[in-house]
C-alpha atoms as a PDB file:
ATOM      1  CA  MET A   1      56.258 -74.459 -38.151  1.00  0.00           C
ATOM      2  CA  ASP A   2      52.758 -75.869 -37.994  1.00  0.00           C
ATOM      3  CA  PRO A   3      49.693 -73.624 -37.606  1.00  0.00           C
ATOM      4  CA  VAL A   4      47.924 -73.491 -34.243  1.00  0.00           C
ATOM      5  CA  LEU A   5      44.234 -72.637 -33.889  1.00  0.00           C
ATOM      6  CA  VAL A   6      43.601 -70.075 -31.132  1.00  0.00           C
ATOM      7  CA  LEU A   7      40.154 -70.238 -29.523  1.00  0.00           C
ATOM      8  CA  ASN A   8      38.562 -67.645 -27.286  1.00  0.00           C
ATOM      9  CA  GLN A   9      37.442 -68.589 -23.784  1.00  0.00           C
ATOM     10  CA  ASN A  10      33.991 -69.427 -25.209  1.00  0.00           C
ATOM     11  CA  LEU A  11      35.597 -71.745 -27.844  1.00  0.00           C
ATOM     12  CA  GLU A  12      34.983 -69.292 -30.701  1.00  0.00           C
ATOM     13  CA  PRO A  13      37.893 -69.226 -33.162  1.00  0.00           C
ATOM     14  CA  LEU A  14      40.023 -66.103 -32.835  1.00  0.00           C
ATOM     15  CA  ASN A  15      43.139 -66.589 -34.873  1.00  0.00           C
ATOM     16  CA  VAL A  16      45.698 -68.933 -36.343  1.00  0.00           C
ATOM     17  CA  CYS A  17      49.245 -68.501 -35.060  1.00  0.00           C
ATOM     18  CA  ASN A  18      52.515 -70.398 -35.196  1.00  0.00           C
ATOM     19  CA  VAL A  19      53.752 -72.916 -32.612  1.00  0.00           C
ATOM     20  CA  ARG A  20      56.206 -70.471 -31.055  1.00  0.00           C
ATOM     21  CA  ARG A  21      53.482 -67.881 -30.331  1.00  0.00           C
ATOM     22  CA  ALA A  22      51.184 -70.597 -28.974  1.00  0.00           C
ATOM     23  CA  LEU A  23      53.897 -71.886 -26.622  1.00  0.00           C
ATOM     24  CA  VAL A  24      54.529 -68.352 -25.364  1.00  0.00           C
ATOM     25  CA  LEU A  25      50.817 -68.040 -24.522  1.00  0.00           C
ATOM     26  CA  VAL A  26      50.681 -71.475 -22.848  1.00  0.00           C
ATOM     27  CA  LEU A  27      53.907 -71.103 -20.866  1.00  0.00           C
ATOM     28  CA  GLY A  28      52.915 -67.557 -19.890  1.00  0.00           C
ATOM     29  CA  GLY A  29      49.725 -68.865 -18.288  1.00  0.00           C
ATOM     30  CA  LYS A  30      47.401 -67.160 -20.751  1.00  0.00           C
ATOM     31  CA  ALA A  31      46.150 -70.260 -22.589  1.00  0.00           C
ATOM     32  CA  GLU A  32      45.661 -73.991 -22.226  1.00  0.00           C
ATOM     33  CA  VAL A  33      46.360 -76.716 -24.773  1.00  0.00           C
ATOM     34  CA  LEU A  34      43.232 -78.507 -26.000  1.00  0.00           C
ATOM     35  CA  ALA A  35      44.866 -80.628 -28.707  1.00  0.00           C
ATOM     36  CA  GLN A  36      48.427 -81.526 -29.648  1.00  0.00           C
ATOM     37  CA  ASN A  37      49.874 -82.280 -33.066  1.00  0.00           C
ATOM     38  CA  HIS A  38      52.114 -85.166 -31.879  1.00  0.00           C
ATOM     39  CA  ARG A  39      55.369 -83.368 -32.534  1.00  0.00           C
ATOM     40  CA  GLN A  40      57.880 -82.305 -29.944  1.00  0.00           C
ATOM     41  CA  ILE A  41      60.178 -79.376 -29.374  1.00  0.00           C
ATOM     42  CA  HIS A  42      63.352 -80.122 -27.459  1.00  0.00           C
ATOM     43  CA  THR A  43      64.893 -77.439 -25.298  1.00  0.00           C
ATOM     44  CA  VAL A  44      68.001 -77.632 -23.165  1.00  0.00           C
ATOM     45  CA  THR A  45      66.043 -78.581 -20.053  1.00  0.00           C
ATOM     46  CA  ARG A  46      62.849 -80.252 -21.289  1.00  0.00           C
ATOM     47  CA  THR A  47      60.770 -81.598 -24.133  1.00  0.00           C
ATOM     48  CA  LEU A  48      57.485 -79.875 -25.028  1.00  0.00           C
ATOM     49  CA  GLU A  49      54.558 -81.267 -27.014  1.00  0.00           C
ATOM     50  CA  CYS A  50      53.570 -78.939 -29.869  1.00  0.00           C
ATOM     51  CA  PRO A  51      50.021 -77.616 -29.521  1.00  0.00           C
ATOM     52  CA  ALA A  52      47.535 -77.804 -32.407  1.00  0.00           C
ATOM     53  CA  VAL A  53      44.639 -76.023 -30.641  1.00  0.00           C
ATOM     54  CA  ILE A  54      44.826 -73.675 -27.650  1.00  0.00           C
ATOM     55  CA  ARG A  55      42.128 -71.859 -25.675  1.00  0.00           C
ATOM     56  CA  LEU A  56      42.653 -68.518 -23.978  1.00  0.00           C
ATOM     57  CA  TYR A  57      41.779 -68.277 -20.293  1.00  0.00           C
ATOM     58  CA  ALA A  58      40.397 -64.736 -20.614  1.00  0.00           C
ATOM     59  CA  LEU A  59      37.574 -63.776 -22.966  1.00  0.00           C
ATOM     60  CA  VAL A  60      38.761 -61.445 -25.721  1.00  0.00           C
ATOM     61  CA  ARG A  61      36.029 -59.091 -26.899  1.00  0.00           C
ATOM     62  CA  ARG A  62      36.444 -58.133 -30.496  1.00  0.00           C
ATOM     63  CA  PRO A  63      34.190 -56.807 -33.228  1.00  0.00           C
ATOM     64  CA  LEU A  64      33.160 -59.156 -35.999  1.00  0.00           C
ATOM     65  CA  PRO A  65      35.599 -59.033 -38.883  1.00  0.00           C
ATOM     66  CA  GLN A  66      34.554 -57.083 -41.961  1.00  0.00           C
ATOM     67  CA  VAL A  67      34.761 -58.658 -45.389  1.00  0.00           C
ATOM     68  CA  ARG A  68      37.205 -56.591 -47.427  1.00  0.00           C
ATOM     69  CA  LEU A  69      36.073 -55.302 -50.794  1.00  0.00           C
ATOM     70  CA  THR A  70      38.373 -57.193 -53.148  1.00  0.00           C
ATOM     71  CA  ARG A  71      37.995 -58.825 -56.536  1.00  0.00           C
ATOM     72  CA  ARG A  72      38.319 -62.287 -55.022  1.00  0.00           C
ATOM     73  CA  GLU A  73      35.640 -61.637 -52.369  1.00  0.00           C
ATOM     74  CA  ILE A  74      33.160 -60.286 -54.927  1.00  0.00           C
ATOM     75  CA  MET A  75      33.644 -63.388 -57.054  1.00  0.00           C
ATOM     76  CA  ARG A  76      33.329 -65.627 -54.003  1.00  0.00           C
ATOM     77  CA  ARG A  77      30.089 -63.847 -53.022  1.00  0.00           C
ATOM     78  CA  ASP A  78      28.723 -64.374 -56.570  1.00  0.00           C
ATOM     79  CA  ASN A  79      29.928 -68.003 -56.631  1.00  0.00           C
ATOM     80  CA  TYR A  80      32.065 -67.279 -59.716  1.00  0.00           C
ATOM     81  CA  LEU A  81      28.913 -67.012 -61.854  1.00  0.00           C
ATOM     82  CA  CYS A  82      28.036 -64.195 -64.248  1.00  0.00           C
ATOM     83  CA  GLN A  83      25.276 -62.216 -62.538  1.00  0.00           C
ATOM     84  CA  TYR A  84      23.648 -61.400 -65.887  1.00  0.00           C
ATOM     85  CA  CYS A  85      23.496 -64.772 -67.695  1.00  0.00           C
ATOM     86  CA  GLY A  86      24.231 -67.157 -64.789  1.00  0.00           C
ATOM     87  CA  GLN A  87      26.983 -69.050 -66.591  1.00  0.00           C
ATOM     88  CA  PRO A  88      30.220 -70.073 -64.860  1.00  0.00           C
ATOM     89  CA  THR A  89      33.179 -68.367 -66.467  1.00  0.00           C
ATOM     90  CA  ASN A  90      36.887 -69.093 -66.761  1.00  0.00           C
ATOM     91  CA  HIS A  91      37.796 -65.415 -67.114  1.00  0.00           C
ATOM     92  CA  PRO A  92      35.370 -63.486 -64.901  1.00  0.00           C
ATOM     93  CA  THR A  93      35.369 -59.698 -64.860  1.00  0.00           C
ATOM     94  CA  LEU A  94      33.911 -57.173 -62.454  1.00  0.00           C
ATOM     95  CA  ASP A  95      31.131 -54.864 -63.565  1.00  0.00           C
ATOM     96  CA  HIS A  96      29.750 -51.725 -61.975  1.00  0.00           C
ATOM     97  CA  VAL A  97      25.947 -51.999 -62.080  1.00  0.00           C
ATOM     98  CA  VAL A  98      25.705 -48.214 -62.218  1.00  0.00           C
ATOM     99  CA  PRO A  99      28.745 -47.131 -64.249  1.00  0.00           C
ATOM    100  CA  ARG A 100      31.289 -44.965 -62.433  1.00  0.00           C
ATOM    101  CA  HIS A 101      31.040 -42.190 -65.014  1.00  0.00           C
ATOM    102  CA  ARG A 102      27.310 -42.024 -64.245  1.00  0.00           C
ATOM    103  CA  GLY A 103      27.804 -41.648 -60.501  1.00  0.00           C
ATOM    104  CA  GLY A 104      28.140 -45.300 -59.514  1.00  0.00           C
ATOM    105  CA  GLN A 105      30.329 -46.033 -56.519  1.00  0.00           C
ATOM    106  CA  HIS A 106      32.963 -48.719 -55.996  1.00  0.00           C
ATOM    107  CA  THR A 107      30.926 -50.515 -53.310  1.00  0.00           C
ATOM    108  CA  TRP A 108      29.608 -54.000 -52.521  1.00  0.00           C
ATOM    109  CA  GLU A 109      26.137 -52.979 -53.678  1.00  0.00           C
ATOM    110  CA  ASN A 110      27.362 -51.765 -57.096  1.00  0.00           C
ATOM    111  CA  LEU A 111      29.873 -54.479 -58.096  1.00  0.00           C
ATOM    112  CA  VAL A 112      29.034 -57.869 -59.608  1.00  0.00           C
ATOM    113  CA  THR A 113      30.836 -60.705 -61.357  1.00  0.00           C
ATOM    114  CA  ALA A 114      30.237 -60.797 -65.111  1.00  0.00           C
ATOM    115  CA  CYS A 115      31.482 -62.846 -68.034  1.00  0.00           C
ATOM    116  CA  MET A 116      33.369 -60.956 -70.735  1.00  0.00           C
ATOM    117  CA  ARG A 117      30.482 -61.271 -73.182  1.00  0.00           C
ATOM    118  CA  CYS A 118      27.873 -59.767 -70.827  1.00  0.00           C
ATOM    119  CA  ASN A 119      30.250 -57.091 -69.557  1.00  0.00           C
ATOM    120  CA  HIS A 120      31.003 -56.045 -73.150  1.00  0.00           C
ATOM    121  CA  ARG A 121      27.304 -56.135 -74.080  1.00  0.00           C
ATOM    122  CA  LYS A 122      26.376 -53.904 -71.132  1.00  0.00           C
ATOM    123  CA  GLY A 123      29.253 -51.531 -71.765  1.00  0.00           C
ATOM    124  CA  GLY A 124      29.110 -48.251 -69.857  1.00  0.00           C
ATOM    125  CA  ARG A 125      25.326 -48.189 -69.663  1.00  0.00           C
ATOM    126  CA  PRO A 126      22.939 -48.707 -66.747  1.00  0.00           C
ATOM    127  CA  LEU A 127      20.919 -51.931 -66.693  1.00  0.00           C
ATOM    128  CA  GLU A 128      17.747 -50.340 -68.084  1.00  0.00           C
ATOM    129  CA  GLU A 129      19.511 -48.855 -71.116  1.00  0.00           C
ATOM    130  CA  ALA A 130      21.314 -52.127 -71.845  1.00  0.00           C
ATOM    131  CA  GLY A 131      18.090 -54.128 -71.488  1.00  0.00           C
ATOM    132  CA  MET A 132      19.699 -56.453 -68.939  1.00  0.00           C
ATOM    133  CA  ARG A 133      18.828 -57.535 -65.424  1.00  0.00           C
ATOM    134  CA  LEU A 134      20.686 -59.052 -62.484  1.00  0.00           C
ATOM    135  CA  LEU A 135      20.007 -62.585 -61.290  1.00  0.00           C
ATOM    136  CA  ARG A 136      20.164 -61.346 -57.699  1.00  0.00           C
ATOM    137  CA  PRO A 137      20.908 -57.941 -56.165  1.00  0.00           C
ATOM    138  CA  PRO A 138      24.465 -57.465 -54.914  1.00  0.00           C
ATOM    139  CA  VAL A 139      24.796 -57.138 -51.129  1.00  0.00           C
ATOM    140  CA  ARG A 140      27.652 -56.864 -48.668  1.00  0.00           C
ATOM    141  CA  PRO A 141      28.424 -60.354 -47.279  1.00  0.00           C
ATOM    142  CA  ARG A 142      28.273 -60.866 -43.536  1.00  0.00           C
ATOM    143  CA  ALA A 143      31.388 -62.086 -41.821  1.00  0.00           C
ATOM    144  CA  THR A 144      31.061 -64.715 -39.114  1.00  0.00           C
ATOM    145  CA  PRO A 145      33.686 -65.563 -36.497  1.00  0.00           C
ATOM    146  CA  TYR A 146      34.668 -68.386 -38.867  1.00  0.00           C
ATOM    147  CA  TYR A 147      35.238 -66.024 -41.804  1.00  0.00           C
ATOM    148  CA  PHE A 148      39.033 -65.834 -41.474  1.00  0.00           C
ATOM    149  CA  LEU A 149      39.200 -69.650 -41.652  1.00  0.00           C
ATOM    150  CA  GLN A 150      37.554 -69.897 -45.083  1.00  0.00           C
ATOM    151  CA  GLY A 151      40.809 -70.558 -46.885  1.00  0.00           C
ATOM    152  CA  TRP A 152      41.748 -73.450 -44.599  1.00  0.00           C
ATOM    153  CA  GLY A 153      38.897 -75.809 -45.528  1.00  0.00           C
ATOM    154  CA  GLN A 154      40.240 -79.279 -46.334  1.00  0.00           C
ATOM    155  CA  ARG A 155      43.867 -78.327 -45.732  1.00  0.00           C
ATOM    156  CA  SER A 156      43.332 -77.616 -42.031  1.00  0.00           C
ATOM    157  CA  PRO A 157      45.019 -79.977 -39.568  1.00  0.00           C
ATOM    158  CA  GLU A 158      43.020 -83.009 -38.462  1.00  0.00           C
ATOM    159  CA  GLU A 159      43.266 -81.896 -34.806  1.00  0.00           C
ATOM    160  CA  TRP A 160      41.124 -78.810 -35.578  1.00  0.00           C
ATOM    161  CA  ARG A 161      38.074 -80.796 -36.750  1.00  0.00           C
ATOM    162  CA  PRO A 162      36.347 -81.213 -33.350  1.00  0.00           C
ATOM    163  CA  PHE A 163      36.613 -77.462 -32.722  1.00  0.00           C
ATOM    164  CA  LEU A 164      35.394 -76.245 -36.131  1.00  0.00           C
ATOM    165  CA  PRO A 165      32.188 -78.100 -36.996  1.00  0.00           C
ATOM    166  CA  MET A 166      31.038 -75.219 -39.259  1.00  0.00           C
ATOM    167  CA  LEU A 167      34.050 -75.703 -41.537  1.00  0.00           C
ATOM    168  CA  TYR A 168      33.387 -79.375 -42.225  1.00  0.00           C
ATOM    169  CA  SER A 169      29.603 -79.507 -42.540  1.00  0.00           C
END
């Protein structure tokens, strides 16, 4: 089944669901279809156009999503560049700025992307002892309402484009 973009009442993206869930929301009177994907579903009594984008009638209040602390997100935040030498790397590693055995935590502010050479050179020492410095301080990335759509990028359906200008700019 094709993905369907679910927009809040204020046209902010909320979720991506499948066609079946979208049709349940539309037929249940909870959402309206803003764009169709030009496919049809045939039932015993009627033929339905498959939605590509739906908008909820009621505003759903939700907190902003939090970016999860994962290896992939740290590397995405650092743009896959070593934070010590600035070189792109094919085999990036993660480095604790303050080593764990010296009291460093496993947090956004203490983890950076490093190439194997720099990570090995730094070893289990703090930056001052290793004589190294960071290109930029590590910070927790902010999630926007569009954050969960990051992976869609160019592979998102054409019908979504008018509703997601931030994704295509």
